[in-house]
Amino acid sequence: MNYERLVSGAILRPNDDGSITSIPPDERNSDYRVYLAWVAAGNEAPIRPEPIPEPAPPAPPTRAEYTKLQDQLIASNEVMDEMISIVFGG
């Protein structure tokens, strides 16, 4: 069994299916007790840096931002229509 420790104290255990189980440092948790027995047998889990959290999704546009984007889209469509009429006649 190969374990890794996070700076926060949580223990990571790789599973056979490729997933990873996070084991909280709580002696009421049977997985944590198995980990402690593994350590007591002379093993040591390396410390892994904390994962970088995913950034929060951007906030939806405000009404003013949405209106501005909509106006820009309409303006770009008008420019495109004008270019098409110049190129293809119309």
C-alpha atoms as a PDB file:
ATOM      1  CA  MET A   1       0.000   0.000   0.000  1.00  0.00           C
ATOM      2  CA  ASN A   2       1.335   3.450  -0.868  1.00  0.00           C
ATOM      3  CA  TYR A   3       0.013   6.439   1.012  1.00  0.00           C
ATOM      4  CA  GLU A   4       0.741  10.140   0.690  1.00  0.00           C
ATOM      5  CA  ARG A   5       0.112  12.863   3.258  1.00  0.00           C
ATOM      6  CA  LEU A   6      -1.185  16.339   2.548  1.00  0.00           C
ATOM      7  CA  VAL A   7       0.059  19.302   4.551  1.00  0.00           C
ATOM      8  CA  SER A   8      -3.511  19.619   5.891  1.00  0.00           C
ATOM      9  CA  GLY A   9      -3.134  16.193   7.547  1.00  0.00           C
ATOM     10  CA  ALA A  10      -5.375  14.250   5.168  1.00  0.00           C
ATOM     11  CA  ILE A  11      -4.032  10.953   3.871  1.00  0.00           C
ATOM     12  CA  LEU A  12      -4.296   9.940   0.213  1.00  0.00           C
ATOM     13  CA  ARG A  13      -4.577   6.288  -0.741  1.00  0.00           C
ATOM     14  CA  PRO A  14      -4.445   5.199  -4.398  1.00  0.00           C
ATOM     15  CA  ASN A  15      -7.026   2.571  -5.323  1.00  0.00           C
ATOM     16  CA  ASP A  16      -6.744  -0.304  -7.796  1.00  0.00           C
ATOM     17  CA  ASP A  17      -9.123   1.434 -10.234  1.00  0.00           C
ATOM     18  CA  GLY A  18      -6.867   4.499 -10.449  1.00  0.00           C
ATOM     19  CA  SER A  19      -8.968   6.678  -8.169  1.00  0.00           C
ATOM     20  CA  ILE A  20      -7.639   8.203  -4.955  1.00  0.00           C
ATOM     21  CA  THR A  21      -9.306   8.026  -1.556  1.00  0.00           C
ATOM     22  CA  SER A  22      -8.834  10.927   0.844  1.00  0.00           C
ATOM     23  CA  ILE A  23      -8.708   9.707   4.435  1.00  0.00           C
ATOM     24  CA  PRO A  24      -9.348  12.303   7.138  1.00  0.00           C
ATOM     25  CA  PRO A  25      -7.099  12.115  10.213  1.00  0.00           C
ATOM     26  CA  ASP A  26      -9.809  10.779  12.510  1.00  0.00           C
ATOM     27  CA  GLU A  27      -9.166   7.695  14.648  1.00  0.00           C
ATOM     28  CA  ARG A  28     -12.860   6.774  14.384  1.00  0.00           C
ATOM     29  CA  ASN A  29     -12.262   6.212  10.648  1.00  0.00           C
ATOM     30  CA  SER A  30     -11.316   2.589   9.940  1.00  0.00           C
ATOM     31  CA  ASP A  31      -9.205   3.576   6.906  1.00  0.00           C
ATOM     32  CA  TYR A  32      -7.230   5.983   9.087  1.00  0.00           C
ATOM     33  CA  ARG A  33      -6.662   3.223  11.675  1.00  0.00           C
ATOM     34  CA  VAL A  34      -5.322   0.962   8.885  1.00  0.00           C
ATOM     35  CA  TYR A  35      -3.011   3.811   7.857  1.00  0.00           C
ATOM     36  CA  LEU A  36      -1.795   4.234  11.460  1.00  0.00           C
ATOM     37  CA  ALA A  37      -1.029   0.504  11.656  1.00  0.00           C
ATOM     38  CA  TRP A  38       0.885   0.801   8.360  1.00  0.00           C
ATOM     39  CA  VAL A  39       2.955   3.659   9.866  1.00  0.00           C
ATOM     40  CA  ALA A  40       3.464   1.705  13.114  1.00  0.00           C
ATOM     41  CA  ALA A  41       4.926  -1.126  10.999  1.00  0.00           C
ATOM     42  CA  GLY A  42       7.761   1.228  10.019  1.00  0.00           C
ATOM     43  CA  ASN A  43       6.361   2.812   6.865  1.00  0.00           C
ATOM     44  CA  GLU A  44       6.342   6.514   6.103  1.00  0.00           C
ATOM     45  CA  ALA A  45       4.078   8.374   3.701  1.00  0.00           C
ATOM     46  CA  PRO A  46       5.690  11.209   1.708  1.00  0.00           C
ATOM     47  CA  ILE A  47       4.165  14.665   2.027  1.00  0.00           C
ATOM     48  CA  ARG A  48       2.424  15.888  -1.120  1.00  0.00           C
ATOM     49  CA  PRO A  49       1.854  19.604  -1.685  1.00  0.00           C
ATOM     50  CA  GLU A  50      -1.758  20.687  -1.397  1.00  0.00           C
ATOM     51  CA  PRO A  51      -3.576  20.614  -4.718  1.00  0.00           C
ATOM     52  CA  ILE A  52      -4.256  23.972  -6.289  1.00  0.00           C
ATOM     53  CA  PRO A  53      -7.978  24.637  -6.021  1.00  0.00           C
ATOM     54  CA  GLU A  54      -9.966  25.177  -9.183  1.00  0.00           C
ATOM     55  CA  PRO A  55     -10.699  28.838  -9.773  1.00  0.00           C
ATOM     56  CA  ALA A  56     -14.271  29.919  -9.201  1.00  0.00           C
ATOM     57  CA  PRO A  57     -16.312  30.244 -12.366  1.00  0.00           C
ATOM     58  CA  PRO A  58     -16.677  33.792 -13.603  1.00  0.00           C
ATOM     59  CA  ALA A  59     -19.732  35.686 -12.456  1.00  0.00           C
ATOM     60  CA  PRO A  60     -22.447  36.026 -15.062  1.00  0.00           C
ATOM     61  CA  PRO A  61     -22.432  39.371 -16.852  1.00  0.00           C
ATOM     62  CA  THR A  62     -24.371  42.200 -15.313  1.00  0.00           C
ATOM     63  CA  ARG A  63     -27.330  43.589 -17.218  1.00  0.00           C
ATOM     64  CA  ALA A  64     -25.177  46.514 -18.400  1.00  0.00           C
ATOM     65  CA  GLU A  65     -22.378  44.161 -19.540  1.00  0.00           C
ATOM     66  CA  TYR A  66     -24.865  41.911 -21.295  1.00  0.00           C
ATOM     67  CA  THR A  67     -26.432  44.887 -23.082  1.00  0.00           C
ATOM     68  CA  LYS A  68     -22.980  46.109 -24.157  1.00  0.00           C
ATOM     69  CA  LEU A  69     -22.076  42.661 -25.517  1.00  0.00           C
ATOM     70  CA  GLN A  70     -25.402  42.457 -27.307  1.00  0.00           C
ATOM     71  CA  ASP A  71     -24.829  45.894 -28.879  1.00  0.00           C
ATOM     72  CA  GLN A  72     -21.332  44.829 -29.981  1.00  0.00           C
ATOM     73  CA  LEU A  73     -22.739  41.683 -31.555  1.00  0.00           C
ATOM     74  CA  ILE A  74     -25.418  43.621 -33.403  1.00  0.00           C
ATOM     75  CA  ALA A  75     -22.819  46.130 -34.612  1.00  0.00           C
ATOM     76  CA  SER A  76     -20.501  43.354 -35.813  1.00  0.00           C
ATOM     77  CA  ASN A  77     -23.403  41.700 -37.661  1.00  0.00           C
ATOM     78  CA  GLU A  78     -24.215  45.020 -39.324  1.00  0.00           C
ATOM     79  CA  VAL A  79     -20.565  45.348 -40.417  1.00  0.00           C
ATOM     80  CA  MET A  80     -20.620  41.772 -41.707  1.00  0.00           C
ATOM     81  CA  ASP A  81     -23.831  42.440 -43.655  1.00  0.00           C
ATOM     82  CA  GLU A  82     -22.244  45.536 -45.190  1.00  0.00           C
ATOM     83  CA  MET A  83     -19.094  43.611 -46.154  1.00  0.00           C
ATOM     84  CA  ILE A  84     -21.159  40.850 -47.758  1.00  0.00           C
ATOM     85  CA  SER A  85     -23.124  43.369 -49.784  1.00  0.00           C
ATOM     86  CA  ILE A  86     -19.868  45.030 -50.966  1.00  0.00           C
ATOM     87  CA  VAL A  87     -18.237  41.727 -51.912  1.00  0.00           C
ATOM     88  CA  PHE A  88     -21.229  40.016 -53.459  1.00  0.00           C
ATOM     89  CA  GLY A  89     -23.189  43.091 -54.520  1.00  0.00           C
ATOM     90  CA  GLY A  90     -26.468  43.686 -53.053  1.00  0.00           C
END
